[in-house]
Amino acid sequence: RMRNKAGMSGSRSRNIIYFSGLDEEEMWRAGYLGDSNPVALLSVVVKFNSQYFNMRTLQEHVDLTYGDIELMKDAENRPFFARTDMVKRENKVCGNKLFFGQIYHEHSEGLKRCPYCLLYKYMYAHRPLSHREPKSPFYLVARKDFSQLDSVWFEEQRMGLRSLRAVVPKLAKKVRLEQSENFTFVSFTQASLLKPGSNQREKEEG
């Protein structure tokens, strides 16, 4: 049985909820995840960074810079995103570049849900040019005066810890998970294996 785990890390108390496959499907269907608006795009990038780049704590997301995720090509000339933590490791002597996860094109569920395409839109299509430097903060504040005609969807401002912590709990609240206001930072850390219709929701404390 596989499910999407959402949990807080870096605190004495730990609350974990599990999004079922049906919960996640509802997020996509309702536009809470995707590229329909800045908040949905930001939310799905947090989700994919957690799942594909093994980012399981709030601090990892807070510390992430633009240069820590690189667009590369493999031996077969296929493009992919890799978390290399280049900026964090630039002062260290290292012969080979390390990868902490990779994101390729994945169109099995359509272009609208492709992790590569959505991350590309966040990093290149809708981001201010001034914040595409290696040491720029990765997560930026979503614009409130958003229009589909605008190319820039995000402010030239780092997303604060409190706002970043609230990203996934807000998703939980939107799909009506009970007690979602009690959770702090949560992140998707496993691929969902729950079959459609199972809609199991759990909360653990430890």
C-alpha atoms as a PDB file:
ATOM      1  CA  ARG A   1       0.000   0.000   0.000  1.00  0.00           C
ATOM      2  CA  MET A   2       1.525   3.265  -1.076  1.00  0.00           C
ATOM      3  CA  ARG A   3       0.348   6.701  -0.174  1.00  0.00           C
ATOM      4  CA  ASN A   4       1.482  10.274  -0.153  1.00  0.00           C
ATOM      5  CA  LYS A   5       2.941  11.042   3.227  1.00  0.00           C
ATOM      6  CA  ALA A   6       2.884  14.560   4.547  1.00  0.00           C
ATOM      7  CA  GLY A   7       4.818  15.313   7.683  1.00  0.00           C
ATOM      8  CA  MET A   8       6.494  18.011   9.693  1.00  0.00           C
ATOM      9  CA  SER A   9      10.162  17.755  10.528  1.00  0.00           C
ATOM     10  CA  GLY A  10      12.377  19.753  12.820  1.00  0.00           C
ATOM     11  CA  SER A  11      10.088  20.042  15.813  1.00  0.00           C
ATOM     12  CA  ARG A  12       9.573  18.249  19.084  1.00  0.00           C
ATOM     13  CA  SER A  13       6.045  17.314  18.117  1.00  0.00           C
ATOM     14  CA  ARG A  14       5.406  15.605  14.845  1.00  0.00           C
ATOM     15  CA  ASN A  15       2.115  15.374  13.044  1.00  0.00           C
ATOM     16  CA  ILE A  16       1.796  13.271   9.928  1.00  0.00           C
ATOM     17  CA  ILE A  17      -1.132  13.059   7.569  1.00  0.00           C
ATOM     18  CA  TYR A  18      -1.522  10.865   4.534  1.00  0.00           C
ATOM     19  CA  PHE A  19      -3.025  12.165   1.322  1.00  0.00           C
ATOM     20  CA  SER A  20      -4.764   9.349  -0.500  1.00  0.00           C
ATOM     21  CA  GLY A  21      -4.624   9.017  -4.259  1.00  0.00           C
ATOM     22  CA  LEU A  22      -8.144  10.410  -4.361  1.00  0.00           C
ATOM     23  CA  ASP A  23      -7.125  13.434  -2.275  1.00  0.00           C
ATOM     24  CA  GLU A  24      -4.314  14.211  -4.681  1.00  0.00           C
ATOM     25  CA  GLU A  25      -6.529  13.694  -7.709  1.00  0.00           C
ATOM     26  CA  GLU A  26      -8.957  16.224  -6.244  1.00  0.00           C
ATOM     27  CA  MET A  27      -6.112  18.743  -5.867  1.00  0.00           C
ATOM     28  CA  TRP A  28      -5.249  18.407  -9.556  1.00  0.00           C
ATOM     29  CA  ARG A  29      -8.860  18.428 -10.725  1.00  0.00           C
ATOM     30  CA  ALA A  30      -9.769  21.514  -8.686  1.00  0.00           C
ATOM     31  CA  GLY A  31      -6.681  23.412  -9.833  1.00  0.00           C
ATOM     32  CA  TYR A  32      -4.957  23.511  -6.434  1.00  0.00           C
ATOM     33  CA  LEU A  33      -1.959  21.884  -8.147  1.00  0.00           C
ATOM     34  CA  GLY A  34      -0.847  22.785 -11.665  1.00  0.00           C
ATOM     35  CA  ASP A  35      -0.115  25.864 -13.762  1.00  0.00           C
ATOM     36  CA  SER A  36      -3.433  27.701 -13.668  1.00  0.00           C
ATOM     37  CA  ASN A  37      -2.181  30.364 -11.233  1.00  0.00           C
ATOM     38  CA  PRO A  38       0.947  31.282  -9.213  1.00  0.00           C
ATOM     39  CA  VAL A  39      -0.170  29.594  -5.974  1.00  0.00           C
ATOM     40  CA  ALA A  40      -1.018  26.321  -7.724  1.00  0.00           C
ATOM     41  CA  LEU A  41       2.339  26.338  -9.531  1.00  0.00           C
ATOM     42  CA  LEU A  42       4.224  27.083  -6.327  1.00  0.00           C
ATOM     43  CA  SER A  43       2.332  24.319  -4.512  1.00  0.00           C
ATOM     44  CA  VAL A  44       3.118  21.707  -7.140  1.00  0.00           C
ATOM     45  CA  VAL A  45       6.800  22.705  -7.176  1.00  0.00           C
ATOM     46  CA  VAL A  46       6.957  22.170  -3.396  1.00  0.00           C
ATOM     47  CA  LYS A  47       5.325  18.774  -3.961  1.00  0.00           C
ATOM     48  CA  PHE A  48       7.744  17.717  -6.705  1.00  0.00           C
ATOM     49  CA  ASN A  49      10.823  19.007  -4.872  1.00  0.00           C
ATOM     50  CA  SER A  50       9.792  16.916  -1.882  1.00  0.00           C
ATOM     51  CA  GLN A  51       9.069  13.791  -3.914  1.00  0.00           C
ATOM     52  CA  TYR A  52      11.824  13.803  -6.514  1.00  0.00           C
ATOM     53  CA  PHE A  53      14.614  15.657  -4.715  1.00  0.00           C
ATOM     54  CA  ASN A  54      14.193  13.940  -1.355  1.00  0.00           C
ATOM     55  CA  MET A  55      13.539  17.201   0.486  1.00  0.00           C
ATOM     56  CA  ARG A  56      11.796  16.154   3.679  1.00  0.00           C
ATOM     57  CA  THR A  57      12.293  19.036   6.089  1.00  0.00           C
ATOM     58  CA  LEU A  58      11.157  22.621   6.134  1.00  0.00           C
ATOM     59  CA  GLN A  59      14.754  23.775   6.576  1.00  0.00           C
ATOM     60  CA  GLU A  60      15.821  22.087   3.330  1.00  0.00           C
ATOM     61  CA  HIS A  61      13.153  24.036   1.463  1.00  0.00           C
ATOM     62  CA  VAL A  62      13.999  27.292   3.262  1.00  0.00           C
ATOM     63  CA  ASP A  63      17.705  26.968   2.397  1.00  0.00           C
ATOM     64  CA  LEU A  64      17.157  26.063  -1.263  1.00  0.00           C
ATOM     65  CA  THR A  65      18.604  28.519  -3.780  1.00  0.00           C
ATOM     66  CA  TYR A  66      18.020  28.867  -7.505  1.00  0.00           C
ATOM     67  CA  GLY A  67      21.440  27.442  -8.325  1.00  0.00           C
ATOM     68  CA  ASP A  68      20.905  24.304  -6.248  1.00  0.00           C
ATOM     69  CA  ILE A  69      18.649  22.901  -8.976  1.00  0.00           C
ATOM     70  CA  GLU A  70      20.271  22.656 -12.406  1.00  0.00           C
ATOM     71  CA  LEU A  71      18.979  21.919 -15.899  1.00  0.00           C
ATOM     72  CA  MET A  72      21.229  19.271 -17.443  1.00  0.00           C
ATOM     73  CA  LYS A  73      21.376  16.585 -20.157  1.00  0.00           C
ATOM     74  CA  ASP A  74      22.177  12.911 -19.780  1.00  0.00           C
ATOM     75  CA  ALA A  75      24.325  10.679 -21.990  1.00  0.00           C
ATOM     76  CA  GLU A  76      21.405  10.273 -24.396  1.00  0.00           C
ATOM     77  CA  ASN A  77      20.978  14.049 -24.632  1.00  0.00           C
ATOM     78  CA  ARG A  78      17.713  13.976 -22.689  1.00  0.00           C
ATOM     79  CA  PRO A  79      17.123  17.089 -20.561  1.00  0.00           C
ATOM     80  CA  PHE A  80      16.480  16.713 -16.858  1.00  0.00           C
ATOM     81  CA  PHE A  81      16.517  18.767 -13.679  1.00  0.00           C
ATOM     82  CA  ALA A  82      18.861  17.686 -10.911  1.00  0.00           C
ATOM     83  CA  ARG A  83      19.250  18.870  -7.375  1.00  0.00           C
ATOM     84  CA  THR A  84      23.006  19.323  -7.053  1.00  0.00           C
ATOM     85  CA  ASP A  85      23.192  21.773  -4.124  1.00  0.00           C
ATOM     86  CA  MET A  86      25.826  23.561  -6.201  1.00  0.00           C
ATOM     87  CA  VAL A  87      25.620  26.813  -4.241  1.00  0.00           C
ATOM     88  CA  LYS A  88      25.909  25.098  -0.863  1.00  0.00           C
ATOM     89  CA  ARG A  89      28.876  23.032  -2.021  1.00  0.00           C
ATOM     90  CA  GLU A  90      30.748  25.653  -4.053  1.00  0.00           C
ATOM     91  CA  ASN A  91      33.328  26.238  -1.327  1.00  0.00           C
ATOM     92  CA  LYS A  92      34.001  22.534  -0.898  1.00  0.00           C
ATOM     93  CA  VAL A  93      36.550  20.550  -2.873  1.00  0.00           C
ATOM     94  CA  CYS A  94      34.602  18.040  -4.927  1.00  0.00           C
ATOM     95  CA  GLY A  95      35.689  16.214  -8.061  1.00  0.00           C
ATOM     96  CA  ASN A  96      32.341  14.958  -9.317  1.00  0.00           C
ATOM     97  CA  LYS A  97      28.971  16.631  -9.227  1.00  0.00           C
ATOM     98  CA  LEU A  98      26.510  14.862  -6.962  1.00  0.00           C
ATOM     99  CA  PHE A  99      22.832  14.463  -7.742  1.00  0.00           C
ATOM    100  CA  PHE A 100      20.196  14.461  -5.027  1.00  0.00           C
ATOM    101  CA  GLY A 101      17.398  13.321  -7.298  1.00  0.00           C
ATOM    102  CA  GLN A 102      16.445  13.947 -10.929  1.00  0.00           C
ATOM    103  CA  ILE A 103      13.313  15.045 -12.783  1.00  0.00           C
ATOM    104  CA  TYR A 104      12.706  13.995 -16.402  1.00  0.00           C
ATOM    105  CA  HIS A 105       9.765  14.588 -18.711  1.00  0.00           C
ATOM    106  CA  GLU A 106       6.870  12.385 -17.600  1.00  0.00           C
ATOM    107  CA  HIS A 107       3.769  12.601 -19.752  1.00  0.00           C
ATOM    108  CA  SER A 108       1.912   9.462 -18.662  1.00  0.00           C
ATOM    109  CA  GLU A 109      -0.712  11.686 -17.010  1.00  0.00           C
ATOM    110  CA  GLY A 110      -0.543  14.427 -19.619  1.00  0.00           C
ATOM    111  CA  LEU A 111       1.541  17.547 -20.157  1.00  0.00           C
ATOM    112  CA  LYS A 112      -0.360  19.450 -17.476  1.00  0.00           C
ATOM    113  CA  ARG A 113       1.037  17.135 -14.776  1.00  0.00           C
ATOM    114  CA  CYS A 114       4.563  16.661 -16.094  1.00  0.00           C
ATOM    115  CA  PRO A 115       7.002  17.449 -13.239  1.00  0.00           C
ATOM    116  CA  TYR A 116       9.707  18.611 -15.672  1.00  0.00           C
ATOM    117  CA  CYS A 117       7.361  20.958 -17.555  1.00  0.00           C
ATOM    118  CA  LEU A 118       5.923  22.477 -14.385  1.00  0.00           C
ATOM    119  CA  LEU A 119       9.332  23.010 -12.780  1.00  0.00           C
ATOM    120  CA  TYR A 120      10.565  24.584 -16.033  1.00  0.00           C
ATOM    121  CA  LYS A 121       7.644  27.028 -15.976  1.00  0.00           C
ATOM    122  CA  TYR A 122       8.442  28.002 -12.393  1.00  0.00           C
ATOM    123  CA  MET A 123      12.190  28.419 -12.946  1.00  0.00           C
ATOM    124  CA  TYR A 124      12.197  29.999 -16.400  1.00  0.00           C
ATOM    125  CA  ALA A 125       8.799  31.042 -17.771  1.00  0.00           C
ATOM    126  CA  HIS A 126       7.198  32.913 -14.865  1.00  0.00           C
ATOM    127  CA  ARG A 127      10.098  33.963 -12.653  1.00  0.00           C
ATOM    128  CA  PRO A 128      11.598  37.492 -12.494  1.00  0.00           C
ATOM    129  CA  LEU A 129      14.884  37.712 -14.399  1.00  0.00           C
ATOM    130  CA  SER A 130      16.482  39.353 -11.376  1.00  0.00           C
ATOM    131  CA  HIS A 131      15.963  36.159  -9.358  1.00  0.00           C
ATOM    132  CA  ARG A 132      17.559  33.688 -11.742  1.00  0.00           C
ATOM    133  CA  GLU A 133      20.993  34.036 -10.200  1.00  0.00           C
ATOM    134  CA  PRO A 134      22.581  31.007  -8.469  1.00  0.00           C
ATOM    135  CA  LYS A 135      22.270  32.530  -4.994  1.00  0.00           C
ATOM    136  CA  SER A 136      18.743  33.859  -5.474  1.00  0.00           C
ATOM    137  CA  PRO A 137      16.156  32.316  -3.121  1.00  0.00           C
ATOM    138  CA  PHE A 138      14.328  29.487  -4.859  1.00  0.00           C
ATOM    139  CA  TYR A 139      10.868  30.111  -3.436  1.00  0.00           C
ATOM    140  CA  LEU A 140       9.348  33.496  -4.240  1.00  0.00           C
ATOM    141  CA  VAL A 141       6.104  35.160  -3.142  1.00  0.00           C
ATOM    142  CA  ALA A 142       3.214  34.589  -5.554  1.00  0.00           C
ATOM    143  CA  ARG A 143       1.806  37.770  -7.083  1.00  0.00           C
ATOM    144  CA  LYS A 144      -1.674  38.724  -5.908  1.00  0.00           C
ATOM    145  CA  ASP A 145      -2.384  40.959  -8.906  1.00  0.00           C
ATOM    146  CA  PHE A 146      -1.995  37.979 -11.209  1.00  0.00           C
ATOM    147  CA  SER A 147      -3.242  37.824 -14.787  1.00  0.00           C
ATOM    148  CA  GLN A 148      -2.904  34.944 -17.256  1.00  0.00           C
ATOM    149  CA  LEU A 149      -1.465  37.478 -19.700  1.00  0.00           C
ATOM    150  CA  ASP A 150       1.436  38.271 -17.357  1.00  0.00           C
ATOM    151  CA  SER A 151       4.739  36.523 -17.961  1.00  0.00           C
ATOM    152  CA  VAL A 152       5.995  37.156 -14.410  1.00  0.00           C
ATOM    153  CA  TRP A 153       3.892  35.450 -11.741  1.00  0.00           C
ATOM    154  CA  PHE A 154       6.128  35.969  -8.714  1.00  0.00           C
ATOM    155  CA  GLU A 155       7.420  38.915  -6.719  1.00  0.00           C
ATOM    156  CA  GLU A 156      11.093  39.790  -6.323  1.00  0.00           C
ATOM    157  CA  GLN A 157      10.775  38.697  -2.723  1.00  0.00           C
ATOM    158  CA  ARG A 158      11.815  35.581  -0.840  1.00  0.00           C
ATOM    159  CA  MET A 159       8.974  33.486   0.492  1.00  0.00           C
ATOM    160  CA  GLY A 160       8.987  33.688   4.288  1.00  0.00           C
ATOM    161  CA  LEU A 161       9.300  30.669   6.530  1.00  0.00           C
ATOM    162  CA  ARG A 162       5.741  30.993   7.809  1.00  0.00           C
ATOM    163  CA  SER A 163       4.290  31.139   4.297  1.00  0.00           C
ATOM    164  CA  LEU A 164       6.408  28.240   3.087  1.00  0.00           C
ATOM    165  CA  ARG A 165       5.430  26.169   6.094  1.00  0.00           C
ATOM    166  CA  ALA A 166       1.754  26.715   5.272  1.00  0.00           C
ATOM    167  CA  VAL A 167       1.829  25.594   1.623  1.00  0.00           C
ATOM    168  CA  VAL A 168       0.732  21.988   2.016  1.00  0.00           C
ATOM    169  CA  PRO A 169      -1.500  22.426   5.088  1.00  0.00           C
ATOM    170  CA  LYS A 170      -3.523  24.809   2.914  1.00  0.00           C
ATOM    171  CA  LEU A 171      -3.866  22.016   0.369  1.00  0.00           C
ATOM    172  CA  ALA A 172      -5.000  19.683   3.142  1.00  0.00           C
ATOM    173  CA  LYS A 173      -7.618  22.204   4.176  1.00  0.00           C
ATOM    174  CA  LYS A 174      -8.863  22.573   0.618  1.00  0.00           C
ATOM    175  CA  VAL A 175      -9.479  18.829   0.322  1.00  0.00           C
ATOM    176  CA  ARG A 176     -11.185  18.968   3.710  1.00  0.00           C
ATOM    177  CA  LEU A 177      -8.714  16.914   5.700  1.00  0.00           C
ATOM    178  CA  GLU A 178      -9.693  17.140   9.352  1.00  0.00           C
ATOM    179  CA  GLN A 179      -7.564  19.227  11.713  1.00  0.00           C
ATOM    180  CA  SER A 180      -5.427  20.543   8.843  1.00  0.00           C
ATOM    181  CA  GLU A 181      -4.916  23.803  10.739  1.00  0.00           C
ATOM    182  CA  ASN A 182      -2.968  21.863  13.379  1.00  0.00           C
ATOM    183  CA  PHE A 183      -0.243  20.799  10.962  1.00  0.00           C
ATOM    184  CA  THR A 184       2.816  22.901  10.297  1.00  0.00           C
ATOM    185  CA  PHE A 185       5.046  22.182   7.306  1.00  0.00           C
ATOM    186  CA  VAL A 186       4.115  19.045   5.415  1.00  0.00           C
ATOM    187  CA  SER A 187       5.634  17.641   2.268  1.00  0.00           C
ATOM    188  CA  PHE A 188       4.844  14.864  -0.157  1.00  0.00           C
ATOM    189  CA  THR A 189       7.601  12.306   0.360  1.00  0.00           C
ATOM    190  CA  GLN A 190       6.281   9.147  -1.261  1.00  0.00           C
ATOM    191  CA  ALA A 191       4.614   8.335  -4.540  1.00  0.00           C
ATOM    192  CA  SER A 192       0.987   7.424  -4.132  1.00  0.00           C
ATOM    193  CA  LEU A 193       0.095   3.763  -4.568  1.00  0.00           C
ATOM    194  CA  LEU A 194      -3.404   3.936  -3.219  1.00  0.00           C
ATOM    195  CA  LYS A 195      -5.951   2.831  -5.755  1.00  0.00           C
ATOM    196  CA  PRO A 196      -8.646   5.308  -6.820  1.00  0.00           C
ATOM    197  CA  GLY A 197     -11.560   5.165  -4.458  1.00  0.00           C
ATOM    198  CA  SER A 198      -9.588   4.052  -1.423  1.00  0.00           C
ATOM    199  CA  ASN A 199      -9.396   7.635  -0.085  1.00  0.00           C
ATOM    200  CA  GLN A 200      -7.724   6.630   3.152  1.00  0.00           C
ATOM    201  CA  ARG A 201      -6.670   9.445   5.441  1.00  0.00           C
ATOM    202  CA  GLU A 202      -4.561   8.929   8.475  1.00  0.00           C
ATOM    203  CA  LYS A 203      -2.972  11.029  11.170  1.00  0.00           C
ATOM    204  CA  GLU A 204      -0.128   9.832  13.301  1.00  0.00           C
ATOM    205  CA  GLU A 205       1.570  11.457  16.224  1.00  0.00           C
ATOM    206  CA  GLY A 206       4.949  10.454  17.449  1.00  0.00           C
END
